[in-house]
Amino acid sequence: MRVQMHAVRFTADQSLLDFIQKKLNKLDTFHDRIVSAEVFLRLDGAETAKVKDKIVEVRLNIPGKELFVTERNKSFEGAIEHLMDVMKDKLVRCKEKRTDFSSPAIMQAQEQQEQEAVEQDEY
C-alpha cells in the first residue's frame, strides 16, 4: 500500500510518521485490495498560540470505493488508535458487501449455499 502523509502547517517528527505507517500497514489484514492511503495531520487552533486538539484524517482508496475517516484527540497517537478502530469496521463492512465474484471467499460461500440448497431439496 502506498501511503502519503501531509502535516499541515507544522513539521511532524519521524517517530510519529513511523507509528502511523505501522498502524496503516495492519489494515491489509482486514481488506486485501487497499491501493493507497493519504493521511492529513492538522493542529486545531494552530492559528492562535494555543493548540486545542490534534486532528487526523485518513483517506483509503480501494477499487471502486474511497473510505474517509476523521478523528480528533489531545494527541496524534490517541487519534490514530481511535481512527484505526473505525477504519477496521468500515473495511470489514466494505469487504462483506463486495460484489467481486472472482474472490475465492465469495466463490466458496456460493458453492456452500448451493450445496445446502441441494441438501434441503433432498429432504
N, C-alpha and C. Protein backbone atom coordinates (compact mmCIF):
# COMPACT_ATOMS: atom_id res chain seq x y z
N MET A 1 0.85 -1.17 0.00
CA MET A 1 0.00 0.00 0.00
C MET A 1 0.90 1.23 0.00
N ARG A 2 0.54 2.17 -0.83
CA ARG A 2 1.27 3.44 -0.92
C ARG A 2 0.62 4.42 0.06
N VAL A 3 1.45 5.03 0.91
CA VAL A 3 0.93 5.95 1.93
C VAL A 3 1.59 7.32 1.74
N GLN A 4 0.75 8.35 1.66
CA GLN A 4 1.23 9.73 1.61
C GLN A 4 0.80 10.42 2.89
N MET A 5 1.74 11.11 3.52
CA MET A 5 1.42 11.80 4.77
C MET A 5 1.67 13.29 4.59
N HIS A 6 0.70 14.08 5.08
CA HIS A 6 0.79 15.53 4.97
C HIS A 6 0.60 16.13 6.36
N ALA A 7 1.59 16.86 6.83
CA ALA A 7 1.47 17.61 8.08
C ALA A 7 1.17 19.06 7.69
N VAL A 8 -0.02 19.52 8.04
CA VAL A 8 -0.48 20.84 7.62
C VAL A 8 0.00 21.90 8.61
N ARG A 9 0.84 22.82 8.13
CA ARG A 9 1.36 23.97 8.88
C ARG A 9 2.25 23.61 10.07
N PHE A 10 2.84 22.42 10.05
CA PHE A 10 3.85 22.07 11.05
C PHE A 10 4.68 20.92 10.49
N THR A 11 5.74 20.61 11.16
CA THR A 11 6.61 19.51 10.73
C THR A 11 6.45 18.36 11.71
N ALA A 12 6.04 17.21 11.20
CA ALA A 12 5.86 16.04 12.04
C ALA A 12 7.20 15.31 12.19
N ASP A 13 7.47 14.80 13.39
CA ASP A 13 8.73 14.08 13.57
C ASP A 13 8.63 12.67 13.00
N GLN A 14 9.76 12.07 12.76
CA GLN A 14 9.83 10.77 12.08
C GLN A 14 9.19 9.66 12.91
N SER A 15 9.27 9.73 14.23
CA SER A 15 8.67 8.67 15.06
C SER A 15 7.15 8.64 14.91
N LEU A 16 6.51 9.80 14.78
CA LEU A 16 5.07 9.86 14.56
C LEU A 16 4.72 9.28 13.19
N LEU A 17 5.48 9.63 12.18
CA LEU A 17 5.23 9.11 10.83
C LEU A 17 5.42 7.60 10.77
N ASP A 18 6.43 7.09 11.46
CA ASP A 18 6.66 5.64 11.51
C ASP A 18 5.52 4.93 12.23
N PHE A 19 5.02 5.53 13.31
CA PHE A 19 3.89 4.97 14.06
C PHE A 19 2.65 4.86 13.17
N ILE A 20 2.37 5.92 12.43
CA ILE A 20 1.21 5.93 11.53
C ILE A 20 1.38 4.88 10.43
N GLN A 21 2.56 4.79 9.85
CA GLN A 21 2.83 3.82 8.80
C GLN A 21 2.62 2.39 9.31
N LYS A 22 3.11 2.12 10.52
CA LYS A 22 2.97 0.78 11.10
C LYS A 22 1.49 0.43 11.32
N LYS A 23 0.73 1.39 11.81
CA LYS A 23 -0.69 1.14 12.05
C LYS A 23 -1.45 0.92 10.74
N LEU A 24 -1.16 1.72 9.72
CA LEU A 24 -1.85 1.59 8.44
C LEU A 24 -1.50 0.28 7.74
N ASN A 25 -0.29 -0.20 7.93
CA ASN A 25 0.09 -1.48 7.31
C ASN A 25 -0.73 -2.64 7.86
N LYS A 26 -1.21 -2.51 9.07
CA LYS A 26 -2.03 -3.57 9.67
C LYS A 26 -3.42 -3.67 9.03
N LEU A 27 -3.84 -2.62 8.32
CA LEU A 27 -5.16 -2.65 7.69
C LEU A 27 -5.23 -3.67 6.55
N ASP A 28 -4.08 -4.09 6.03
CA ASP A 28 -4.07 -5.08 4.96
C ASP A 28 -4.65 -6.42 5.41
N THR A 29 -4.68 -6.67 6.71
CA THR A 29 -5.25 -7.92 7.20
C THR A 29 -6.78 -7.91 7.12
N PHE A 30 -7.38 -6.73 7.04
CA PHE A 30 -8.83 -6.63 7.01
C PHE A 30 -9.40 -6.49 5.61
N HIS A 31 -8.59 -6.00 4.68
CA HIS A 31 -9.01 -5.87 3.28
C HIS A 31 -7.77 -6.01 2.42
N ASP A 32 -7.79 -6.95 1.50
CA ASP A 32 -6.59 -7.29 0.74
C ASP A 32 -6.36 -6.44 -0.50
N ARG A 33 -7.27 -5.52 -0.81
CA ARG A 33 -7.14 -4.76 -2.05
C ARG A 33 -7.00 -3.25 -1.83
N ILE A 34 -6.39 -2.84 -0.74
CA ILE A 34 -6.17 -1.41 -0.48
C ILE A 34 -5.08 -0.91 -1.43
N VAL A 35 -5.40 0.11 -2.20
CA VAL A 35 -4.46 0.64 -3.19
C VAL A 35 -3.53 1.67 -2.55
N SER A 36 -4.11 2.67 -1.89
CA SER A 36 -3.29 3.73 -1.32
C SER A 36 -4.00 4.36 -0.13
N ALA A 37 -3.23 5.12 0.62
CA ALA A 37 -3.77 5.85 1.77
C ALA A 37 -3.16 7.24 1.78
N GLU A 38 -3.96 8.20 2.21
CA GLU A 38 -3.50 9.57 2.33
C GLU A 38 -3.85 10.04 3.74
N VAL A 39 -2.86 10.55 4.46
CA VAL A 39 -3.04 10.95 5.85
C VAL A 39 -2.78 12.45 5.98
N PHE A 40 -3.70 13.15 6.62
CA PHE A 40 -3.54 14.57 6.89
C PHE A 40 -3.48 14.78 8.40
N LEU A 41 -2.43 15.42 8.86
CA LEU A 41 -2.26 15.74 10.28
C LEU A 41 -2.44 17.25 10.44
N ARG A 42 -3.36 17.66 11.30
CA ARG A 42 -3.65 19.08 11.50
C ARG A 42 -3.65 19.41 12.99
N LEU A 43 -3.36 20.66 13.28
CA LEU A 43 -3.44 21.17 14.64
C LEU A 43 -4.63 22.10 14.72
N ASP A 44 -5.60 21.79 15.59
CA ASP A 44 -6.76 22.64 15.78
C ASP A 44 -6.36 23.81 16.66
N GLY A 45 -6.52 25.02 16.15
CA GLY A 45 -6.13 26.21 16.89
C GLY A 45 -4.69 26.60 16.63
N ALA A 46 -4.12 26.12 15.53
CA ALA A 46 -2.72 26.44 15.21
C ALA A 46 -2.53 27.91 14.86
N GLU A 47 -3.61 28.58 14.44
CA GLU A 47 -3.51 29.99 14.09
C GLU A 47 -3.22 30.83 15.35
N THR A 48 -3.79 30.40 16.46
CA THR A 48 -3.52 31.08 17.72
C THR A 48 -2.31 30.40 18.37
N ALA A 49 -1.89 30.90 19.48
CA ALA A 49 -0.71 30.35 20.15
C ALA A 49 -1.02 29.04 20.87
N LYS A 50 -2.30 28.77 21.15
CA LYS A 50 -2.65 27.60 21.93
C LYS A 50 -3.31 26.54 21.05
N VAL A 51 -2.73 25.34 20.99
CA VAL A 51 -3.28 24.23 20.21
C VAL A 51 -4.26 23.49 21.09
N LYS A 52 -5.52 23.38 20.63
CA LYS A 52 -6.56 22.71 21.41
C LYS A 52 -6.51 21.20 21.21
N ASP A 53 -6.69 20.77 19.97
CA ASP A 53 -6.73 19.34 19.64
C ASP A 53 -5.86 19.05 18.44
N LYS A 54 -5.64 17.76 18.23
CA LYS A 54 -4.92 17.31 17.05
C LYS A 54 -5.89 16.50 16.21
N ILE A 55 -5.91 16.75 14.92
CA ILE A 55 -6.87 16.13 14.01
C ILE A 55 -6.11 15.25 13.02
N VAL A 56 -6.60 14.02 12.86
CA VAL A 56 -6.03 13.09 11.88
C VAL A 56 -7.15 12.71 10.92
N GLU A 57 -6.86 12.83 9.63
CA GLU A 57 -7.80 12.44 8.58
C GLU A 57 -7.11 11.40 7.71
N VAL A 58 -7.80 10.30 7.43
CA VAL A 58 -7.25 9.24 6.58
C VAL A 58 -8.23 8.94 5.46
N ARG A 59 -7.70 8.92 4.24
CA ARG A 59 -8.49 8.55 3.05
C ARG A 59 -7.86 7.29 2.47
N LEU A 60 -8.63 6.20 2.45
CA LEU A 60 -8.18 4.94 1.87
C LEU A 60 -8.82 4.75 0.51
N ASN A 61 -8.04 4.36 -0.46
CA ASN A 61 -8.55 4.08 -1.79
C ASN A 61 -8.53 2.57 -2.02
N ILE A 62 -9.70 2.02 -2.27
CA ILE A 62 -9.82 0.62 -2.65
C ILE A 62 -10.57 0.60 -3.97
N PRO A 63 -10.44 -0.44 -4.76
CA PRO A 63 -11.10 -0.46 -6.07
C PRO A 63 -12.61 -0.20 -5.95
N GLY A 64 -13.07 0.85 -6.62
CA GLY A 64 -14.49 1.17 -6.64
C GLY A 64 -14.97 1.99 -5.46
N LYS A 65 -14.11 2.29 -4.50
CA LYS A 65 -14.56 3.00 -3.31
C LYS A 65 -13.45 3.82 -2.71
N GLU A 66 -13.86 4.81 -1.92
CA GLU A 66 -12.92 5.63 -1.16
C GLU A 66 -13.49 5.76 0.25
N LEU A 67 -12.71 5.38 1.24
CA LEU A 67 -13.15 5.46 2.63
C LEU A 67 -12.43 6.63 3.30
N PHE A 68 -13.17 7.42 4.06
CA PHE A 68 -12.61 8.61 4.70
C PHE A 68 -13.03 8.63 6.16
N VAL A 69 -12.05 8.83 7.05
CA VAL A 69 -12.33 8.89 8.49
C VAL A 69 -11.55 10.06 9.09
N THR A 70 -12.22 10.82 9.95
CA THR A 70 -11.59 11.92 10.67
C THR A 70 -11.70 11.65 12.16
N GLU A 71 -10.63 11.93 12.88
CA GLU A 71 -10.64 11.74 14.33
C GLU A 71 -9.88 12.88 14.98
N ARG A 72 -10.35 13.30 16.14
CA ARG A 72 -9.68 14.38 16.87
C ARG A 72 -9.46 13.91 18.30
N ASN A 73 -8.28 14.30 18.84
CA ASN A 73 -7.90 13.88 20.18
C ASN A 73 -6.85 14.85 20.72
N LYS A 74 -6.44 14.67 21.95
CA LYS A 74 -5.39 15.51 22.54
C LYS A 74 -4.02 15.16 21.98
N SER A 75 -3.84 13.92 21.50
CA SER A 75 -2.56 13.52 20.91
C SER A 75 -2.81 12.84 19.56
N PHE A 76 -1.82 12.90 18.70
CA PHE A 76 -1.95 12.24 17.40
C PHE A 76 -2.05 10.72 17.57
N GLU A 77 -1.30 10.17 18.52
CA GLU A 77 -1.32 8.73 18.74
C GLU A 77 -2.70 8.25 19.18
N GLY A 78 -3.33 9.00 20.08
CA GLY A 78 -4.68 8.65 20.53
C GLY A 78 -5.69 8.74 19.40
N ALA A 79 -5.54 9.77 18.58
CA ALA A 79 -6.45 9.93 17.43
C ALA A 79 -6.28 8.78 16.45
N ILE A 80 -5.04 8.36 16.22
CA ILE A 80 -4.78 7.25 15.30
C ILE A 80 -5.39 5.96 15.84
N GLU A 81 -5.26 5.71 17.13
CA GLU A 81 -5.83 4.49 17.74
C GLU A 81 -7.34 4.43 17.54
N HIS A 82 -8.04 5.53 17.80
CA HIS A 82 -9.49 5.56 17.61
C HIS A 82 -9.84 5.44 16.13
N LEU A 83 -9.08 6.11 15.30
CA LEU A 83 -9.33 6.10 13.87
C LEU A 83 -9.17 4.69 13.30
N MET A 84 -8.20 3.95 13.79
CA MET A 84 -7.96 2.59 13.29
C MET A 84 -9.14 1.67 13.60
N ASP A 85 -9.75 1.83 14.77
CA ASP A 85 -10.92 1.02 15.11
C ASP A 85 -12.07 1.29 14.14
N VAL A 86 -12.31 2.56 13.85
CA VAL A 86 -13.39 2.94 12.93
C VAL A 86 -13.07 2.44 11.52
N MET A 87 -11.82 2.59 11.10
CA MET A 87 -11.43 2.17 9.75
C MET A 87 -11.53 0.65 9.59
N LYS A 88 -11.17 -0.10 10.63
CA LYS A 88 -11.29 -1.56 10.57
C LYS A 88 -12.74 -1.96 10.33
N ASP A 89 -13.66 -1.34 11.09
CA ASP A 89 -15.08 -1.64 10.93
C ASP A 89 -15.55 -1.32 9.52
N LYS A 90 -15.14 -0.18 8.99
CA LYS A 90 -15.55 0.21 7.63
C LYS A 90 -15.00 -0.76 6.59
N LEU A 91 -13.76 -1.17 6.76
CA LEU A 91 -13.15 -2.10 5.81
C LEU A 91 -13.84 -3.45 5.82
N VAL A 92 -14.17 -3.94 7.00
CA VAL A 92 -14.84 -5.23 7.10
C VAL A 92 -16.23 -5.16 6.46
N ARG A 93 -16.97 -4.08 6.73
CA ARG A 93 -18.30 -3.92 6.10
C ARG A 93 -18.19 -3.81 4.59
N CYS A 94 -17.19 -3.08 4.14
CA CYS A 94 -16.99 -2.89 2.70
C CYS A 94 -16.64 -4.22 2.04
N LYS A 95 -15.82 -5.01 2.69
CA LYS A 95 -15.42 -6.30 2.12
C LYS A 95 -16.60 -7.26 2.08
N GLU A 96 -17.46 -7.21 3.09
CA GLU A 96 -18.64 -8.08 3.12
C GLU A 96 -19.61 -7.73 2.00
N LYS A 97 -19.68 -6.46 1.63
CA LYS A 97 -20.60 -6.02 0.58
C LYS A 97 -20.00 -6.13 -0.81
N ARG A 98 -18.76 -6.50 -0.90
CA ARG A 98 -18.05 -6.53 -2.18
C ARG A 98 -18.76 -7.46 -3.16
N THR A 99 -18.85 -7.01 -4.39
CA THR A 99 -19.54 -7.78 -5.43
C THR A 99 -18.56 -8.37 -6.43
N ASP A 100 -17.31 -8.49 -6.06
CA ASP A 100 -16.30 -9.08 -6.93
C ASP A 100 -16.42 -10.60 -6.80
N PHE A 101 -17.08 -11.23 -7.75
CA PHE A 101 -17.38 -12.64 -7.63
C PHE A 101 -16.20 -13.54 -7.97
N SER A 102 -15.08 -12.97 -8.33
CA SER A 102 -13.89 -13.77 -8.58
C SER A 102 -13.10 -14.02 -7.30
N SER A 103 -13.53 -13.43 -6.21
CA SER A 103 -12.86 -13.62 -4.94
C SER A 103 -13.03 -15.08 -4.48
N PRO A 104 -11.97 -15.73 -4.03
CA PRO A 104 -12.08 -17.13 -3.57
C PRO A 104 -13.07 -17.30 -2.43
N ALA A 105 -13.12 -16.36 -1.50
CA ALA A 105 -14.04 -16.48 -0.37
C ALA A 105 -15.49 -16.42 -0.85
N ILE A 106 -15.77 -15.55 -1.81
CA ILE A 106 -17.13 -15.42 -2.33
C ILE A 106 -17.52 -16.67 -3.11
N MET A 107 -16.59 -17.17 -3.91
CA MET A 107 -16.86 -18.39 -4.67
C MET A 107 -17.14 -19.56 -3.73
N GLN A 108 -16.36 -19.68 -2.67
CA GLN A 108 -16.55 -20.76 -1.71
C GLN A 108 -17.90 -20.63 -1.00
N ALA A 109 -18.29 -19.42 -0.64
CA ALA A 109 -19.57 -19.20 0.03
C ALA A 109 -20.73 -19.55 -0.90
N GLN A 110 -20.60 -19.21 -2.18
CA GLN A 110 -21.65 -19.54 -3.14
C GLN A 110 -21.79 -21.06 -3.30
N GLU A 111 -20.66 -21.76 -3.39
CA GLU A 111 -20.70 -23.22 -3.52
C GLU A 111 -21.34 -23.85 -2.29
N GLN A 112 -21.02 -23.32 -1.12
CA GLN A 112 -21.60 -23.85 0.11
C GLN A 112 -23.11 -23.62 0.15
N GLN A 113 -23.57 -22.45 -0.29
CA GLN A 113 -25.00 -22.18 -0.33
C GLN A 113 -25.70 -23.11 -1.31
N GLU A 114 -25.07 -23.37 -2.44
CA GLU A 114 -25.66 -24.27 -3.43
C GLU A 114 -25.76 -25.69 -2.87
N GLN A 115 -24.73 -26.16 -2.16
CA GLN A 115 -24.76 -27.48 -1.55
C GLN A 115 -25.86 -27.58 -0.51
N GLU A 116 -26.01 -26.54 0.31
CA GLU A 116 -27.06 -26.54 1.32
C GLU A 116 -28.44 -26.56 0.68
N ALA A 117 -28.60 -25.86 -0.43
CA ALA A 117 -29.88 -25.85 -1.15
C ALA A 117 -30.19 -27.23 -1.70
N VAL A 118 -29.19 -27.92 -2.24
CA VAL A 118 -29.40 -29.26 -2.77
C VAL A 118 -29.75 -30.23 -1.65
N GLU A 119 -29.08 -30.12 -0.51
CA GLU A 119 -29.37 -30.99 0.62
C GLU A 119 -30.78 -30.76 1.16
N GLN A 120 -31.26 -29.53 1.16
CA GLN A 120 -32.61 -29.24 1.62
C GLN A 120 -33.64 -29.79 0.64
N ASP A 121 -33.34 -29.75 -0.63
CA ASP A 121 -34.26 -30.29 -1.63
C ASP A 121 -34.38 -31.81 -1.52
N GLU A 122 -33.33 -32.49 -1.08
CA GLU A 122 -33.35 -33.94 -0.95
C GLU A 122 -34.27 -34.39 0.18
N TYR A 123 -34.47 -33.55 1.18
CA TYR A 123 -35.33 -33.92 2.31
C TYR A 123 -36.72 -33.75 1.91
